Amino acid sequence: MNFLAHAYLSGNSTKLLVGNFIGDFVKGKQYRNLEEEVAQGVLLHRAIDDFTDQHPVVGQSKAKLREKYRHYAGVIVDMAYDHFLASNWSRYHWQGLLEYTKKVYAIIENHNPILPGRMETMLHYMKQDNWLYQYATLEGIDQALTGMSRRTKFDSKMDEAVIDIENHYQDLKEEFETFLPDAVKFVKEQGVAWH
């Protein structure tokens, strides 16, 4: 799951959302330096990632891309799943996607003093180009994957991935639609108050 899905799976809690959103940037036990509910959000982020990585349907999605993209297949599936969430947003959330993304950016910015440095830098560009909203289009996903491809140490080929997402579009969409209710059930079992 990527940024939009992590925000969505935070339910109604602002502090949980902050921790869940910045989770990839909080290393090791650094979460212990954060206030309790934000720290819980970081741990929720890790739990969602573990749940996602072990889910058989996500495994099916990754298998379609693994031969060409190797361990980057998981990153591409995360982005594809955010695309399906964004492009069908009204099925999953009462608030419009544009309004929701603006709210998320405002919440994260309001916690600027605790943001890890790399997250603070990324947030500027994320908000400026409204990445979360752009995930609704394949062009937006292509831009995100191409940007990630430029930042990888190895030749990830992620700049080519949108073609393979299109080639497997319907299967990936159906796998996402099977997976998301399981992810929602999982976070509710973790005690997340839902929409």
C-alpha atoms as a PDB file:
ATOM      1  CA  MET A   1       0.000   0.000   0.000  1.00  0.00           C
ATOM      2  CA  ASN A   2       1.204   3.480  -0.741  1.00  0.00           C
ATOM      3  CA  PHE A   3       0.513   6.931   0.752  1.00  0.00           C
ATOM      4  CA  LEU A   4      -3.173   7.229  -0.154  1.00  0.00           C
ATOM      5  CA  ALA A   5      -4.078   3.766   1.094  1.00  0.00           C
ATOM      6  CA  HIS A   6      -2.144   4.279   4.336  1.00  0.00           C
ATOM      7  CA  ALA A   7      -4.031   7.537   4.930  1.00  0.00           C
ATOM      8  CA  TYR A   8      -7.348   5.868   4.121  1.00  0.00           C
ATOM      9  CA  LEU A   9      -6.636   2.921   6.423  1.00  0.00           C
ATOM     10  CA  SER A  10      -6.054   5.305   9.348  1.00  0.00           C
ATOM     11  CA  GLY A  11      -9.809   5.662   9.794  1.00  0.00           C
ATOM     12  CA  ASN A  12     -10.968   8.699  11.759  1.00  0.00           C
ATOM     13  CA  SER A  13      -7.835   9.416  13.782  1.00  0.00           C
ATOM     14  CA  THR A  14      -5.720  12.444  12.857  1.00  0.00           C
ATOM     15  CA  LYS A  15      -2.704  11.368  14.935  1.00  0.00           C
ATOM     16  CA  LEU A  16      -2.878   7.799  13.673  1.00  0.00           C
ATOM     17  CA  LEU A  17      -2.975   9.167  10.126  1.00  0.00           C
ATOM     18  CA  VAL A  18       0.204  11.191  10.738  1.00  0.00           C
ATOM     19  CA  GLY A  19       2.107   8.174  12.034  1.00  0.00           C
ATOM     20  CA  ASN A  20       0.762   5.887   9.326  1.00  0.00           C
ATOM     21  CA  PHE A  21       1.603   8.434   6.607  1.00  0.00           C
ATOM     22  CA  ILE A  22       5.204   8.995   7.745  1.00  0.00           C
ATOM     23  CA  GLY A  23       5.791   5.341   8.657  1.00  0.00           C
ATOM     24  CA  ASP A  24       8.361   4.595   5.935  1.00  0.00           C
ATOM     25  CA  PHE A  25      10.503   7.498   7.140  1.00  0.00           C
ATOM     26  CA  VAL A  26      10.603   6.464  10.811  1.00  0.00           C
ATOM     27  CA  LYS A  27      13.371   3.912  11.189  1.00  0.00           C
ATOM     28  CA  GLY A  28      13.796   1.224  13.841  1.00  0.00           C
ATOM     29  CA  LYS A  29      12.736   2.353  17.296  1.00  0.00           C
ATOM     30  CA  GLN A  30      12.594   6.087  16.459  1.00  0.00           C
ATOM     31  CA  TYR A  31       8.819   5.866  16.863  1.00  0.00           C
ATOM     32  CA  ARG A  32       9.421   5.803  20.636  1.00  0.00           C
ATOM     33  CA  ASN A  33      10.329   9.511  20.431  1.00  0.00           C
ATOM     34  CA  LEU A  34       6.866  10.391  19.080  1.00  0.00           C
ATOM     35  CA  GLU A  35       3.690  11.032  21.028  1.00  0.00           C
ATOM     36  CA  GLU A  36       1.774   7.842  21.740  1.00  0.00           C
ATOM     37  CA  GLU A  37      -0.953   7.945  19.075  1.00  0.00           C
ATOM     38  CA  VAL A  38       1.467   9.044  16.321  1.00  0.00           C
ATOM     39  CA  ALA A  39       3.789   6.195  17.372  1.00  0.00           C
ATOM     40  CA  GLN A  40       0.806   3.825  17.156  1.00  0.00           C
ATOM     41  CA  GLY A  41       0.291   5.099  13.595  1.00  0.00           C
ATOM     42  CA  VAL A  42       3.888   4.184  12.700  1.00  0.00           C
ATOM     43  CA  LEU A  43       3.349   0.702  14.137  1.00  0.00           C
ATOM     44  CA  LEU A  44       0.037   0.443  12.268  1.00  0.00           C
ATOM     45  CA  HIS A  45       1.894   1.332   9.053  1.00  0.00           C
ATOM     46  CA  ARG A  46       4.318  -1.531   9.662  1.00  0.00           C
ATOM     47  CA  ALA A  47       1.478  -3.931  10.493  1.00  0.00           C
ATOM     48  CA  ILE A  48      -0.381  -2.977   7.285  1.00  0.00           C
ATOM     49  CA  ASP A  49       2.801  -3.503   5.255  1.00  0.00           C
ATOM     50  CA  ASP A  50       3.317  -6.947   6.828  1.00  0.00           C
ATOM     51  CA  PHE A  51      -0.335  -7.886   6.273  1.00  0.00           C
ATOM     52  CA  THR A  52      -0.136  -6.718   2.649  1.00  0.00           C
ATOM     53  CA  ASP A  53       3.129  -8.543   1.947  1.00  0.00           C
ATOM     54  CA  GLN A  54       1.685 -11.824   3.245  1.00  0.00           C
ATOM     55  CA  HIS A  55      -1.728 -11.555   1.560  1.00  0.00           C
ATOM     56  CA  PRO A  56      -2.154 -14.212  -1.164  1.00  0.00           C
ATOM     57  CA  VAL A  57      -4.055 -11.890  -3.519  1.00  0.00           C
ATOM     58  CA  VAL A  58      -1.266  -9.302  -3.343  1.00  0.00           C
ATOM     59  CA  GLY A  59       1.100 -12.182  -4.123  1.00  0.00           C
ATOM     60  CA  GLN A  60      -0.919 -12.864  -7.284  1.00  0.00           C
ATOM     61  CA  SER A  61      -0.586  -9.220  -8.317  1.00  0.00           C
ATOM     62  CA  LYS A  62       3.174  -9.208  -7.714  1.00  0.00           C
ATOM     63  CA  ALA A  63       3.621 -12.460  -9.641  1.00  0.00           C
ATOM     64  CA  LYS A  64       2.382 -10.748 -12.816  1.00  0.00           C
ATOM     65  CA  LEU A  65       5.270  -8.256 -12.592  1.00  0.00           C
ATOM     66  CA  ARG A  66       8.044 -10.132 -10.782  1.00  0.00           C
ATOM     67  CA  GLU A  67       9.901 -11.540 -13.794  1.00  0.00           C
ATOM     68  CA  LYS A  68      10.613  -8.088 -15.245  1.00  0.00           C
ATOM     69  CA  TYR A  69      10.748  -5.937 -12.090  1.00  0.00           C
ATOM     70  CA  ARG A  70      12.026  -8.411  -9.475  1.00  0.00           C
ATOM     71  CA  HIS A  71      11.764  -6.939  -5.952  1.00  0.00           C
ATOM     72  CA  TYR A  72      10.348  -3.677  -7.356  1.00  0.00           C
ATOM     73  CA  ALA A  73       7.178  -5.591  -8.283  1.00  0.00           C
ATOM     74  CA  GLY A  74       5.856  -4.878  -4.773  1.00  0.00           C
ATOM     75  CA  VAL A  75       6.386  -1.125  -5.173  1.00  0.00           C
ATOM     76  CA  ILE A  76       4.568  -1.166  -8.501  1.00  0.00           C
ATOM     77  CA  VAL A  77       1.650  -3.137  -7.041  1.00  0.00           C
ATOM     78  CA  ASP A  78       1.455  -0.630  -4.153  1.00  0.00           C
ATOM     79  CA  MET A  79       1.173   2.195  -6.683  1.00  0.00           C
ATOM     80  CA  ALA A  80      -1.359   0.303  -8.805  1.00  0.00           C
ATOM     81  CA  TYR A  81      -3.493  -0.336  -5.728  1.00  0.00           C
ATOM     82  CA  ASP A  82      -3.376   3.375  -4.816  1.00  0.00           C
ATOM     83  CA  HIS A  83      -4.508   4.085  -8.378  1.00  0.00           C
ATOM     84  CA  PHE A  84      -7.517   1.784  -8.032  1.00  0.00           C
ATOM     85  CA  LEU A  85      -8.383   3.352  -4.669  1.00  0.00           C
ATOM     86  CA  ALA A  86      -8.104   6.890  -6.075  1.00  0.00           C
ATOM     87  CA  SER A  87      -9.857   6.221  -9.376  1.00  0.00           C
ATOM     88  CA  ASN A  88     -12.829   4.608  -7.596  1.00  0.00           C
ATOM     89  CA  TRP A  89     -12.667   6.817  -4.505  1.00  0.00           C
ATOM     90  CA  SER A  90     -16.407   7.552  -4.257  1.00  0.00           C
ATOM     91  CA  ARG A  91     -17.003   3.820  -3.655  1.00  0.00           C
ATOM     92  CA  TYR A  92     -14.814   3.910  -0.544  1.00  0.00           C
ATOM     93  CA  HIS A  93     -15.155   7.340   1.079  1.00  0.00           C
ATOM     94  CA  TRP A  94     -17.927   9.878   1.574  1.00  0.00           C
ATOM     95  CA  GLN A  95     -15.619  12.884   1.023  1.00  0.00           C
ATOM     96  CA  GLY A  96     -14.481  13.837  -2.489  1.00  0.00           C
ATOM     97  CA  LEU A  97     -10.908  12.850  -3.336  1.00  0.00           C
ATOM     98  CA  LEU A  98      -9.668  16.407  -3.956  1.00  0.00           C
ATOM     99  CA  GLU A  99     -11.102  17.618  -0.650  1.00  0.00           C
ATOM    100  CA  TYR A 100      -9.730  14.563   1.157  1.00  0.00           C
ATOM    101  CA  THR A 101      -6.202  14.987  -0.213  1.00  0.00           C
ATOM    102  CA  LYS A 102      -6.130  18.665   0.796  1.00  0.00           C
ATOM    103  CA  LYS A 103      -7.219  17.640   4.299  1.00  0.00           C
ATOM    104  CA  VAL A 104      -4.447  15.024   4.503  1.00  0.00           C
ATOM    105  CA  TYR A 105      -1.771  17.543   3.447  1.00  0.00           C
ATOM    106  CA  ALA A 106      -3.043  20.051   6.016  1.00  0.00           C
ATOM    107  CA  ILE A 107      -2.961  17.439   8.791  1.00  0.00           C
ATOM    108  CA  ILE A 108       0.600  16.406   7.932  1.00  0.00           C
ATOM    109  CA  GLU A 109       1.765  20.034   7.645  1.00  0.00           C
ATOM    110  CA  ASN A 110       0.251  20.781  11.075  1.00  0.00           C
ATOM    111  CA  HIS A 111       2.678  18.205  12.475  1.00  0.00           C
ATOM    112  CA  ASN A 112       5.692  19.686  10.696  1.00  0.00           C
ATOM    113  CA  PRO A 113       7.909  19.807  13.835  1.00  0.00           C
ATOM    114  CA  ILE A 114       7.864  16.006  14.119  1.00  0.00           C
ATOM    115  CA  LEU A 115       8.245  15.146  10.418  1.00  0.00           C
ATOM    116  CA  PRO A 116      11.425  13.312   9.454  1.00  0.00           C
ATOM    117  CA  GLY A 117      13.564  15.512   7.171  1.00  0.00           C
ATOM    118  CA  ARG A 118      13.050  13.464   4.022  1.00  0.00           C
ATOM    119  CA  MET A 119       9.285  13.410   4.581  1.00  0.00           C
ATOM    120  CA  GLU A 120       9.231  17.184   5.016  1.00  0.00           C
ATOM    121  CA  THR A 121      11.028  17.644   1.675  1.00  0.00           C
ATOM    122  CA  MET A 122       8.813  15.113  -0.099  1.00  0.00           C
ATOM    123  CA  LEU A 123       5.638  16.667   1.318  1.00  0.00           C
ATOM    124  CA  HIS A 124       6.461  19.958  -0.407  1.00  0.00           C
ATOM    125  CA  TYR A 125       6.503  18.280  -3.836  1.00  0.00           C
ATOM    126  CA  MET A 126       3.660  15.930  -2.962  1.00  0.00           C
ATOM    127  CA  LYS A 127       1.389  18.846  -2.105  1.00  0.00           C
ATOM    128  CA  GLN A 128       2.598  21.085  -4.933  1.00  0.00           C
ATOM    129  CA  ASP A 129       1.691  18.499  -7.583  1.00  0.00           C
ATOM    130  CA  ASN A 130      -1.040  16.824  -5.496  1.00  0.00           C
ATOM    131  CA  TRP A 131       0.360  13.333  -5.918  1.00  0.00           C
ATOM    132  CA  LEU A 132      -2.464  11.704  -3.958  1.00  0.00           C
ATOM    133  CA  TYR A 133      -5.079  13.167  -6.295  1.00  0.00           C
ATOM    134  CA  GLN A 134      -2.999  12.418  -9.403  1.00  0.00           C
ATOM    135  CA  TYR A 135      -2.897   8.732  -8.462  1.00  0.00           C
ATOM    136  CA  ALA A 136      -6.427   8.552  -9.921  1.00  0.00           C
ATOM    137  CA  THR A 137      -4.958   8.687 -13.449  1.00  0.00           C
ATOM    138  CA  LEU A 138      -2.498   6.322 -15.100  1.00  0.00           C
ATOM    139  CA  GLU A 139      -0.515   9.403 -16.122  1.00  0.00           C
ATOM    140  CA  GLY A 140      -0.181  10.334 -12.446  1.00  0.00           C
ATOM    141  CA  ILE A 141       0.967   6.815 -11.573  1.00  0.00           C
ATOM    142  CA  ASP A 142       3.428   6.909 -14.487  1.00  0.00           C
ATOM    143  CA  GLN A 143       4.914  10.179 -13.210  1.00  0.00           C
ATOM    144  CA  ALA A 144       5.250   8.771  -9.690  1.00  0.00           C
ATOM    145  CA  LEU A 145       6.878   5.533 -10.847  1.00  0.00           C
ATOM    146  CA  THR A 146       9.220   7.373 -13.210  1.00  0.00           C
ATOM    147  CA  GLY A 147      10.261   9.661 -10.351  1.00  0.00           C
ATOM    148  CA  MET A 148      10.943   6.647  -8.136  1.00  0.00           C
ATOM    149  CA  SER A 149      12.886   4.986 -10.939  1.00  0.00           C
ATOM    150  CA  ARG A 150      15.256   7.968 -11.067  1.00  0.00           C
ATOM    151  CA  ARG A 151      15.911   7.638  -7.326  1.00  0.00           C
ATOM    152  CA  THR A 152      16.722   3.915  -7.230  1.00  0.00           C
ATOM    153  CA  LYS A 153      20.320   2.714  -7.058  1.00  0.00           C
ATOM    154  CA  PHE A 154      19.695  -0.032  -9.616  1.00  0.00           C
ATOM    155  CA  ASP A 155      17.881  -0.160 -12.941  1.00  0.00           C
ATOM    156  CA  SER A 156      14.374  -0.746 -11.636  1.00  0.00           C
ATOM    157  CA  LYS A 157      12.576  -0.247 -14.971  1.00  0.00           C
ATOM    158  CA  MET A 158       9.739   1.353 -12.974  1.00  0.00           C
ATOM    159  CA  ASP A 159       9.594   4.064 -15.639  1.00  0.00           C
ATOM    160  CA  GLU A 160       8.121   1.352 -17.919  1.00  0.00           C
ATOM    161  CA  ALA A 161       5.721  -0.114 -15.362  1.00  0.00           C
ATOM    162  CA  VAL A 162       2.552   1.759 -16.321  1.00  0.00           C
ATOM    163  CA  ILE A 163       2.504  -0.223 -19.596  1.00  0.00           C
ATOM    164  CA  ASP A 164       2.421  -3.473 -17.621  1.00  0.00           C
ATOM    165  CA  ILE A 165      -0.208  -2.072 -15.251  1.00  0.00           C
ATOM    166  CA  GLU A 166      -2.349  -1.321 -18.322  1.00  0.00           C
ATOM    167  CA  ASN A 167      -1.709  -4.799 -19.747  1.00  0.00           C
ATOM    168  CA  HIS A 168      -2.920  -6.424 -16.491  1.00  0.00           C
ATOM    169  CA  TYR A 169      -5.382  -3.668 -15.591  1.00  0.00           C
ATOM    170  CA  GLN A 170      -8.568  -5.668 -15.088  1.00  0.00           C
ATOM    171  CA  ASP A 171      -6.881  -8.497 -13.164  1.00  0.00           C
ATOM    172  CA  LEU A 172      -5.014  -6.069 -10.897  1.00  0.00           C
ATOM    173  CA  LYS A 173      -8.212  -4.086 -10.300  1.00  0.00           C
ATOM    174  CA  GLU A 174     -10.124  -7.223  -9.322  1.00  0.00           C
ATOM    175  CA  GLU A 175      -7.297  -8.306  -7.014  1.00  0.00           C
ATOM    176  CA  PHE A 176      -7.311  -4.873  -5.374  1.00  0.00           C
ATOM    177  CA  GLU A 177     -11.084  -5.064  -4.901  1.00  0.00           C
ATOM    178  CA  THR A 178     -10.666  -8.454  -3.228  1.00  0.00           C
ATOM    179  CA  PHE A 179      -7.803  -7.254  -1.039  1.00  0.00           C
ATOM    180  CA  LEU A 180      -9.109  -3.904   0.231  1.00  0.00           C
ATOM    181  CA  PRO A 181     -12.015  -5.246   2.348  1.00  0.00           C
ATOM    182  CA  ASP A 182      -9.536  -7.632   4.011  1.00  0.00           C
ATOM    183  CA  ALA A 183      -7.215  -4.691   4.759  1.00  0.00           C
ATOM    184  CA  VAL A 184     -10.105  -2.676   6.231  1.00  0.00           C
ATOM    185  CA  LYS A 185     -11.121  -5.660   8.374  1.00  0.00           C
ATOM    186  CA  PHE A 186      -7.498  -6.024   9.516  1.00  0.00           C
ATOM    187  CA  VAL A 187      -7.174  -2.384  10.653  1.00  0.00           C
ATOM    188  CA  LYS A 188     -10.530  -2.540  12.429  1.00  0.00           C
ATOM    189  CA  GLU A 189      -9.212  -5.582  14.313  1.00  0.00           C
ATOM    190  CA  GLN A 190      -6.231  -3.402  15.319  1.00  0.00           C
ATOM    191  CA  GLY A 191      -8.706  -1.005  16.965  1.00  0.00           C
ATOM    192  CA  VAL A 192      -8.860   1.669  14.267  1.00  0.00           C
ATOM    193  CA  ALA A 193     -12.108   3.666  14.459  1.00  0.00           C
ATOM    194  CA  TRP A 194     -13.663   3.620  11.008  1.00  0.00           C
ATOM    195  CA  HIS A 195     -15.373   6.233   8.817  1.00  0.00           C
END
